[in-house]
Amino acid sequence: MNSSRTRRGRLTGGRFARAFTLVEVMVAASVMVLSISGALVTLQSGLRAVSQARHLGEATAIMQSEIERLRLKSWDQLGVIQAEGDTPISVNTATPGIHFQCLRSIRDLRDGMKEITLEASWGGTDGRAHTARLITRYSRSGLNDYFYASN
């Protein structure tokens, strides 16, 4: 009789405590493995999003710096830059391993109004190519407005 009690469970406070079966332990271990792998995938996705946001911020800073440099140009100087056509802009980045490229184009919208488009592109840590675009309108009296687009 003692041997059957030992096999079924341990005697605690006058009652037998039920032990987990091997199948229950295996199911619990599988659930834990799936939970941990799901958490790691979510963490990796979150870190990718943070990295992309940081790179988008750096691309924005690059384009904003170029716009500020162009604001100091006169209307005639902008015309000379426009005649050069689409021009790559030299970029210095603070992030090692990420190479940003920026392209500037200027076109006439109408008499006395130019549109300046800056497009920054970089290879993300997720292996995809990313771009951000800054479009400004510049009149003879100065900068009018600007907006960003990214993908």
N, C-alpha and C. Protein backbone atom coordinates (compact mmCIF):
# COMPACT_ATOMS: atom_id res chain seq x y z
N MET A 1 0.81 -1.19 0.00
CA MET A 1 0.00 0.00 0.00
C MET A 1 0.86 1.26 0.00
N ASN A 2 1.95 1.23 0.72
CA ASN A 2 2.85 2.39 0.72
C ASN A 2 3.45 2.64 -0.65
N SER A 3 3.74 1.57 -1.36
CA SER A 3 4.37 1.75 -2.67
C SER A 3 3.40 2.41 -3.65
N SER A 4 2.09 2.11 -3.59
CA SER A 4 1.14 2.76 -4.50
C SER A 4 0.95 4.22 -4.14
N ARG A 5 1.01 4.55 -2.85
CA ARG A 5 0.89 5.95 -2.45
C ARG A 5 2.10 6.76 -2.93
N THR A 6 3.25 6.19 -2.88
CA THR A 6 4.46 6.87 -3.31
C THR A 6 4.42 7.16 -4.81
N ARG A 7 3.89 6.25 -5.57
CA ARG A 7 3.81 6.44 -7.01
C ARG A 7 2.81 7.53 -7.40
N ARG A 8 1.69 7.60 -6.71
CA ARG A 8 0.65 8.56 -7.07
C ARG A 8 0.96 9.98 -6.62
N GLY A 9 1.65 10.18 -5.58
CA GLY A 9 1.92 11.53 -5.10
C GLY A 9 2.48 11.49 -3.71
N ARG A 10 2.75 12.60 -3.17
CA ARG A 10 3.35 12.73 -1.86
C ARG A 10 2.25 13.06 -0.86
N LEU A 11 2.34 12.52 0.30
CA LEU A 11 1.36 12.76 1.34
C LEU A 11 1.64 14.12 1.98
N THR A 12 0.69 15.07 1.86
CA THR A 12 0.84 16.39 2.48
C THR A 12 -0.43 16.72 3.23
N GLY A 13 -0.33 16.87 4.53
CA GLY A 13 -1.48 17.26 5.35
C GLY A 13 -2.64 16.29 5.26
N GLY A 14 -2.35 15.01 5.14
CA GLY A 14 -3.43 14.03 5.08
C GLY A 14 -3.96 13.83 3.67
N ARG A 15 -3.50 14.57 2.69
CA ARG A 15 -3.95 14.44 1.30
C ARG A 15 -2.76 14.15 0.42
N PHE A 16 -3.06 13.57 -0.70
CA PHE A 16 -2.00 13.31 -1.67
C PHE A 16 -1.93 14.48 -2.65
N ALA A 17 -0.72 15.05 -2.86
CA ALA A 17 -0.52 16.10 -3.87
C ALA A 17 -0.30 15.43 -5.22
N ARG A 18 -1.04 15.84 -6.20
CA ARG A 18 -0.97 15.23 -7.52
C ARG A 18 0.27 15.76 -8.25
N ALA A 19 1.05 14.92 -8.83
CA ALA A 19 2.23 15.30 -9.61
C ALA A 19 1.83 15.52 -11.06
N PHE A 20 2.61 16.36 -11.77
CA PHE A 20 2.35 16.61 -13.18
C PHE A 20 2.80 15.40 -14.00
N THR A 21 2.06 15.11 -15.03
CA THR A 21 2.48 14.02 -15.91
C THR A 21 3.49 14.56 -16.90
N LEU A 22 4.16 13.66 -17.57
CA LEU A 22 5.17 14.05 -18.55
C LEU A 22 4.54 14.84 -19.69
N VAL A 23 3.35 14.48 -20.12
CA VAL A 23 2.65 15.20 -21.19
C VAL A 23 2.35 16.62 -20.76
N GLU A 24 1.89 16.82 -19.54
CA GLU A 24 1.59 18.17 -19.05
C GLU A 24 2.85 19.03 -19.00
N VAL A 25 3.96 18.44 -18.57
CA VAL A 25 5.23 19.17 -18.51
C VAL A 25 5.67 19.55 -19.93
N MET A 26 5.52 18.64 -20.89
CA MET A 26 5.91 18.92 -22.26
C MET A 26 5.04 20.02 -22.88
N VAL A 27 3.74 20.00 -22.61
CA VAL A 27 2.84 21.04 -23.11
C VAL A 27 3.21 22.39 -22.51
N ALA A 28 3.47 22.43 -21.21
CA ALA A 28 3.86 23.69 -20.56
C ALA A 28 5.17 24.22 -21.13
N ALA A 29 6.13 23.33 -21.38
CA ALA A 29 7.41 23.75 -21.95
C ALA A 29 7.20 24.30 -23.37
N SER A 30 6.34 23.67 -24.15
CA SER A 30 6.06 24.16 -25.51
C SER A 30 5.42 25.54 -25.48
N VAL A 31 4.48 25.74 -24.56
CA VAL A 31 3.83 27.05 -24.43
C VAL A 31 4.86 28.11 -24.04
N MET A 32 5.77 27.77 -23.13
CA MET A 32 6.80 28.73 -22.73
C MET A 32 7.72 29.07 -23.90
N VAL A 33 8.12 28.07 -24.69
CA VAL A 33 9.00 28.32 -25.84
C VAL A 33 8.30 29.22 -26.85
N LEU A 34 7.04 28.95 -27.14
CA LEU A 34 6.30 29.79 -28.08
C LEU A 34 6.13 31.21 -27.55
N SER A 35 5.90 31.36 -26.27
CA SER A 35 5.75 32.69 -25.67
C SER A 35 7.05 33.47 -25.75
N ILE A 36 8.14 32.81 -25.45
CA ILE A 36 9.45 33.49 -25.49
C ILE A 36 9.79 33.87 -26.92
N SER A 37 9.57 32.97 -27.88
CA SER A 37 9.89 33.31 -29.27
C SER A 37 8.99 34.44 -29.78
N GLY A 38 7.72 34.47 -29.37
CA GLY A 38 6.84 35.57 -29.74
C GLY A 38 7.31 36.89 -29.16
N ALA A 39 7.77 36.86 -27.92
CA ALA A 39 8.29 38.08 -27.29
C ALA A 39 9.55 38.57 -28.00
N LEU A 40 10.41 37.65 -28.43
CA LEU A 40 11.63 38.04 -29.14
C LEU A 40 11.32 38.65 -30.51
N VAL A 41 10.34 38.10 -31.20
CA VAL A 41 9.95 38.67 -32.50
C VAL A 41 9.40 40.07 -32.31
N THR A 42 8.58 40.26 -31.27
CA THR A 42 8.02 41.59 -30.98
C THR A 42 9.12 42.57 -30.62
N LEU A 43 10.08 42.14 -29.82
CA LEU A 43 11.20 43.00 -29.45
C LEU A 43 12.01 43.39 -30.67
N GLN A 44 12.28 42.42 -31.55
CA GLN A 44 13.04 42.71 -32.76
C GLN A 44 12.30 43.71 -33.65
N SER A 45 11.01 43.56 -33.77
CA SER A 45 10.21 44.49 -34.57
C SER A 45 10.26 45.90 -33.97
N GLY A 46 10.18 45.99 -32.65
CA GLY A 46 10.25 47.28 -31.98
C GLY A 46 11.60 47.94 -32.15
N LEU A 47 12.67 47.17 -32.07
CA LEU A 47 14.01 47.73 -32.26
C LEU A 47 14.21 48.20 -33.69
N ARG A 48 13.63 47.48 -34.66
CA ARG A 48 13.69 47.91 -36.05
C ARG A 48 12.97 49.24 -36.24
N ALA A 49 11.82 49.39 -35.60
CA ALA A 49 11.06 50.64 -35.71
C ALA A 49 11.83 51.81 -35.10
N VAL A 50 12.49 51.58 -33.97
CA VAL A 50 13.29 52.63 -33.33
C VAL A 50 14.45 53.01 -34.24
N SER A 51 15.09 52.03 -34.85
CA SER A 51 16.20 52.29 -35.75
C SER A 51 15.74 53.10 -36.96
N GLN A 52 14.60 52.72 -37.52
CA GLN A 52 14.07 53.44 -38.68
C GLN A 52 13.72 54.88 -38.30
N ALA A 53 13.14 55.08 -37.13
CA ALA A 53 12.80 56.44 -36.70
C ALA A 53 14.07 57.28 -36.51
N ARG A 54 15.12 56.67 -35.96
CA ARG A 54 16.37 57.40 -35.77
C ARG A 54 16.96 57.80 -37.13
N HIS A 55 16.94 56.88 -38.10
CA HIS A 55 17.49 57.18 -39.42
C HIS A 55 16.63 58.21 -40.15
N LEU A 56 15.32 58.15 -39.98
CA LEU A 56 14.46 59.16 -40.58
C LEU A 56 14.75 60.53 -39.98
N GLY A 57 14.99 60.58 -38.69
CA GLY A 57 15.36 61.84 -38.05
C GLY A 57 16.67 62.39 -38.58
N GLU A 58 17.63 61.51 -38.82
CA GLU A 58 18.91 61.96 -39.36
C GLU A 58 18.75 62.43 -40.80
N ALA A 59 17.94 61.73 -41.60
CA ALA A 59 17.69 62.16 -42.98
C ALA A 59 17.01 63.52 -42.99
N THR A 60 16.06 63.72 -42.09
CA THR A 60 15.37 65.00 -41.98
C THR A 60 16.35 66.12 -41.64
N ALA A 61 17.26 65.85 -40.72
CA ALA A 61 18.26 66.86 -40.34
C ALA A 61 19.17 67.21 -41.52
N ILE A 62 19.53 66.21 -42.31
CA ILE A 62 20.36 66.45 -43.49
C ILE A 62 19.64 67.37 -44.47
N MET A 63 18.38 67.06 -44.73
CA MET A 63 17.61 67.86 -45.69
C MET A 63 17.33 69.26 -45.15
N GLN A 64 17.05 69.36 -43.88
CA GLN A 64 16.78 70.67 -43.27
C GLN A 64 18.03 71.55 -43.33
N SER A 65 19.18 70.94 -43.13
CA SER A 65 20.44 71.68 -43.21
C SER A 65 20.66 72.22 -44.63
N GLU A 66 20.34 71.40 -45.63
CA GLU A 66 20.49 71.85 -47.02
C GLU A 66 19.49 72.97 -47.34
N ILE A 67 18.28 72.87 -46.83
CA ILE A 67 17.28 73.93 -47.05
C ILE A 67 17.75 75.24 -46.42
N GLU A 68 18.30 75.15 -45.22
CA GLU A 68 18.80 76.37 -44.56
C GLU A 68 19.93 76.99 -45.37
N ARG A 69 20.77 76.14 -45.97
CA ARG A 69 21.86 76.65 -46.81
C ARG A 69 21.30 77.32 -48.06
N LEU A 70 20.23 76.75 -48.64
CA LEU A 70 19.63 77.33 -49.84
C LEU A 70 18.88 78.62 -49.53
N ARG A 71 18.37 78.76 -48.32
CA ARG A 71 17.64 79.99 -47.95
C ARG A 71 18.54 81.21 -48.01
N LEU A 72 19.84 80.99 -47.85
CA LEU A 72 20.79 82.10 -47.87
C LEU A 72 21.15 82.54 -49.29
N LYS A 73 20.70 81.78 -50.27
CA LYS A 73 21.01 82.11 -51.66
C LYS A 73 20.02 83.14 -52.19
N SER A 74 20.51 83.94 -53.10
CA SER A 74 19.63 84.91 -53.77
C SER A 74 18.86 84.19 -54.88
N TRP A 75 17.89 84.90 -55.45
CA TRP A 75 17.09 84.33 -56.53
C TRP A 75 17.97 83.95 -57.72
N ASP A 76 18.92 84.81 -58.05
CA ASP A 76 19.82 84.53 -59.17
C ASP A 76 20.72 83.34 -58.87
N GLN A 77 21.20 83.24 -57.64
CA GLN A 77 22.04 82.10 -57.27
C GLN A 77 21.25 80.79 -57.34
N LEU A 78 19.97 80.83 -56.96
CA LEU A 78 19.13 79.64 -57.09
C LEU A 78 18.96 79.26 -58.55
N GLY A 79 18.87 80.25 -59.43
CA GLY A 79 18.77 79.98 -60.87
C GLY A 79 20.01 79.27 -61.39
N VAL A 80 21.18 79.66 -60.89
CA VAL A 80 22.43 79.01 -61.31
C VAL A 80 22.44 77.56 -60.82
N ILE A 81 22.02 77.34 -59.57
CA ILE A 81 21.95 75.98 -59.03
C ILE A 81 20.94 75.14 -59.82
N GLN A 82 19.82 75.75 -60.19
CA GLN A 82 18.79 75.05 -60.95
C GLN A 82 19.33 74.62 -62.31
N ALA A 83 20.15 75.47 -62.95
CA ALA A 83 20.70 75.15 -64.26
C ALA A 83 21.62 73.93 -64.22
N GLU A 84 22.17 73.63 -63.06
CA GLU A 84 23.05 72.46 -62.91
C GLU A 84 22.26 71.15 -62.99
N GLY A 85 20.95 71.22 -62.82
CA GLY A 85 20.12 70.01 -62.87
C GLY A 85 20.08 69.29 -61.52
N ASP A 86 19.58 68.06 -61.55
CA ASP A 86 19.53 67.27 -60.32
C ASP A 86 20.95 67.03 -59.82
N THR A 87 21.18 67.39 -58.56
CA THR A 87 22.53 67.37 -58.01
C THR A 87 22.58 66.54 -56.75
N PRO A 88 23.53 65.59 -56.67
CA PRO A 88 23.72 64.89 -55.40
C PRO A 88 24.39 65.82 -54.39
N ILE A 89 23.99 65.69 -53.14
CA ILE A 89 24.52 66.54 -52.08
C ILE A 89 25.43 65.69 -51.20
N SER A 90 26.58 66.24 -50.84
CA SER A 90 27.48 65.50 -49.96
C SER A 90 26.85 65.43 -48.57
N VAL A 91 26.96 64.26 -47.96
CA VAL A 91 26.30 64.01 -46.68
C VAL A 91 27.32 63.48 -45.70
N ASN A 92 27.38 64.10 -44.53
CA ASN A 92 28.18 63.58 -43.42
C ASN A 92 27.21 63.06 -42.36
N THR A 93 27.35 61.80 -41.99
CA THR A 93 26.41 61.21 -41.03
C THR A 93 27.13 60.85 -39.74
N ALA A 94 26.34 60.83 -38.69
CA ALA A 94 26.87 60.45 -37.38
C ALA A 94 26.69 58.96 -37.12
N THR A 95 25.89 58.30 -37.93
CA THR A 95 25.60 56.88 -37.70
C THR A 95 26.56 56.04 -38.53
N PRO A 96 27.43 55.26 -37.88
CA PRO A 96 28.32 54.40 -38.65
C PRO A 96 27.55 53.25 -39.29
N GLY A 97 27.97 52.86 -40.48
CA GLY A 97 27.33 51.74 -41.16
C GLY A 97 26.12 52.10 -41.98
N ILE A 98 25.58 53.29 -41.84
CA ILE A 98 24.43 53.73 -42.64
C ILE A 98 24.92 54.80 -43.60
N HIS A 99 24.67 54.58 -44.88
CA HIS A 99 25.11 55.52 -45.90
C HIS A 99 23.89 56.25 -46.46
N PHE A 100 23.85 57.55 -46.24
CA PHE A 100 22.77 58.39 -46.75
C PHE A 100 23.17 58.99 -48.08
N GLN A 101 22.23 59.06 -48.99
CA GLN A 101 22.42 59.78 -50.25
C GLN A 101 21.31 60.82 -50.33
N CYS A 102 21.66 61.99 -50.81
CA CYS A 102 20.65 63.05 -50.92
C CYS A 102 20.76 63.67 -52.31
N LEU A 103 19.60 63.86 -52.92
CA LEU A 103 19.54 64.42 -54.26
C LEU A 103 18.68 65.68 -54.23
N ARG A 104 19.19 66.76 -54.86
CA ARG A 104 18.47 68.03 -54.88
C ARG A 104 18.03 68.33 -56.31
N SER A 105 16.77 68.73 -56.45
CA SER A 105 16.29 69.19 -57.76
C SER A 105 15.48 70.47 -57.56
N ILE A 106 15.62 71.38 -58.50
CA ILE A 106 14.92 72.66 -58.46
C ILE A 106 14.20 72.83 -59.79
N ARG A 107 12.93 73.20 -59.72
CA ARG A 107 12.18 73.45 -60.95
C ARG A 107 11.30 74.68 -60.75
N ASP A 108 10.93 75.31 -61.86
CA ASP A 108 10.03 76.46 -61.82
C ASP A 108 8.59 75.98 -61.75
N LEU A 109 7.85 76.49 -60.78
CA LEU A 109 6.42 76.21 -60.70
C LEU A 109 5.64 77.19 -61.57
N ARG A 110 6.02 78.44 -61.44
CA ARG A 110 5.43 79.52 -62.23
C ARG A 110 6.40 80.69 -62.16
N ASP A 111 6.08 81.77 -62.78
CA ASP A 111 6.97 82.92 -62.77
C ASP A 111 7.11 83.43 -61.33
N GLY A 112 8.34 83.49 -60.85
CA GLY A 112 8.59 83.99 -59.50
C GLY A 112 8.43 82.94 -58.41
N MET A 113 8.28 81.65 -58.78
CA MET A 113 8.11 80.58 -57.79
C MET A 113 8.89 79.35 -58.23
N LYS A 114 9.75 78.86 -57.34
CA LYS A 114 10.52 77.65 -57.61
C LYS A 114 10.13 76.59 -56.58
N GLU A 115 10.22 75.34 -57.01
CA GLU A 115 10.01 74.22 -56.09
C GLU A 115 11.33 73.48 -55.93
N ILE A 116 11.75 73.34 -54.70
CA ILE A 116 13.00 72.65 -54.39
C ILE A 116 12.62 71.32 -53.73
N THR A 117 13.11 70.22 -54.31
CA THR A 117 12.85 68.89 -53.77
C THR A 117 14.16 68.27 -53.34
N LEU A 118 14.20 67.82 -52.10
CA LEU A 118 15.35 67.09 -51.59
C LEU A 118 14.87 65.68 -51.27
N GLU A 119 15.61 64.70 -51.74
CA GLU A 119 15.24 63.31 -51.47
C GLU A 119 16.44 62.60 -50.87
N ALA A 120 16.29 62.15 -49.63
CA ALA A 120 17.34 61.39 -48.95
C ALA A 120 16.96 59.91 -49.02
N SER A 121 17.94 59.08 -49.25
CA SER A 121 17.70 57.64 -49.27
C SER A 121 18.82 56.94 -48.51
N TRP A 122 18.47 55.80 -47.94
CA TRP A 122 19.43 55.02 -47.18
C TRP A 122 18.95 53.58 -47.11
N GLY A 123 19.88 52.68 -46.86
CA GLY A 123 19.54 51.27 -46.66
C GLY A 123 19.30 51.05 -45.18
N GLY A 124 18.13 50.56 -44.85
CA GLY A 124 17.79 50.35 -43.45
C GLY A 124 18.41 49.09 -42.89
N THR A 125 18.36 48.94 -41.59
CA THR A 125 18.88 47.75 -40.94
C THR A 125 18.01 46.54 -41.24
N ASP A 126 16.81 46.77 -41.77
CA ASP A 126 15.93 45.67 -42.13
C ASP A 126 16.18 45.18 -43.56
N GLY A 127 17.17 45.78 -44.25
CA GLY A 127 17.51 45.36 -45.59
C GLY A 127 16.73 46.05 -46.69
N ARG A 128 15.75 46.86 -46.33
CA ARG A 128 14.95 47.58 -47.33
C ARG A 128 15.55 48.96 -47.57
N ALA A 129 15.26 49.49 -48.76
CA ALA A 129 15.67 50.86 -49.07
C ALA A 129 14.60 51.82 -48.55
N HIS A 130 15.02 52.90 -47.92
CA HIS A 130 14.11 53.90 -47.37
C HIS A 130 14.39 55.24 -48.03
N THR A 131 13.36 56.04 -48.20
CA THR A 131 13.53 57.39 -48.73
C THR A 131 12.67 58.36 -47.93
N ALA A 132 13.14 59.59 -47.90
CA ALA A 132 12.37 60.68 -47.30
C ALA A 132 12.50 61.87 -48.25
N ARG A 133 11.44 62.60 -48.41
CA ARG A 133 11.42 63.70 -49.36
C ARG A 133 10.97 64.97 -48.66
N LEU A 134 11.67 66.05 -48.94
CA LEU A 134 11.31 67.37 -48.44
C LEU A 134 11.06 68.25 -49.65
N ILE A 135 9.89 68.82 -49.73
CA ILE A 135 9.54 69.68 -50.86
C ILE A 135 9.26 71.08 -50.34
N THR A 136 9.91 72.06 -50.93
CA THR A 136 9.72 73.44 -50.52
C THR A 136 9.34 74.28 -51.72
N ARG A 137 8.68 75.37 -51.43
CA ARG A 137 8.37 76.34 -52.48
C ARG A 137 9.05 77.64 -52.08
N TYR A 138 9.75 78.18 -53.03
CA TYR A 138 10.58 79.36 -52.78
C TYR A 138 10.18 80.44 -53.77
N SER A 139 9.78 81.59 -53.25
CA SER A 139 9.42 82.71 -54.14
C SER A 139 10.53 83.75 -54.08
N ARG A 140 10.38 84.77 -54.87
CA ARG A 140 11.39 85.84 -54.86
C ARG A 140 11.52 86.47 -53.47
N SER A 141 10.46 86.42 -52.69
CA SER A 141 10.51 87.02 -51.36
C SER A 141 11.00 86.04 -50.29
N GLY A 142 11.28 84.78 -50.65
CA GLY A 142 11.83 83.84 -49.67
C GLY A 142 11.05 82.54 -49.63
N LEU A 143 11.38 81.73 -48.65
CA LEU A 143 10.79 80.41 -48.48
C LEU A 143 9.32 80.54 -48.08
N ASN A 144 8.46 79.79 -48.77
CA ASN A 144 7.03 79.85 -48.47
C ASN A 144 6.59 78.74 -47.52
N ASP A 145 6.72 77.52 -47.94
CA ASP A 145 6.27 76.41 -47.11
C ASP A 145 7.06 75.16 -47.47
N TYR A 146 6.93 74.14 -46.63
CA TYR A 146 7.57 72.88 -46.95
C TYR A 146 6.79 71.74 -46.29
N PHE A 147 6.96 70.56 -46.82
CA PHE A 147 6.37 69.40 -46.21
C PHE A 147 7.25 68.18 -46.48
N TYR A 148 7.08 67.15 -45.63
CA TYR A 148 7.86 65.92 -45.72
C TYR A 148 6.99 64.78 -46.20
N ALA A 149 7.61 63.86 -46.89
CA ALA A 149 6.96 62.59 -47.23
C ALA A 149 8.02 61.51 -47.10
N SER A 150 7.64 60.35 -46.62
CA SER A 150 8.62 59.27 -46.50
C SER A 150 7.97 57.95 -46.82
N ASN A 151 8.80 56.99 -47.18
CA ASN A 151 8.34 55.61 -47.37
C ASN A 151 9.47 54.65 -47.13
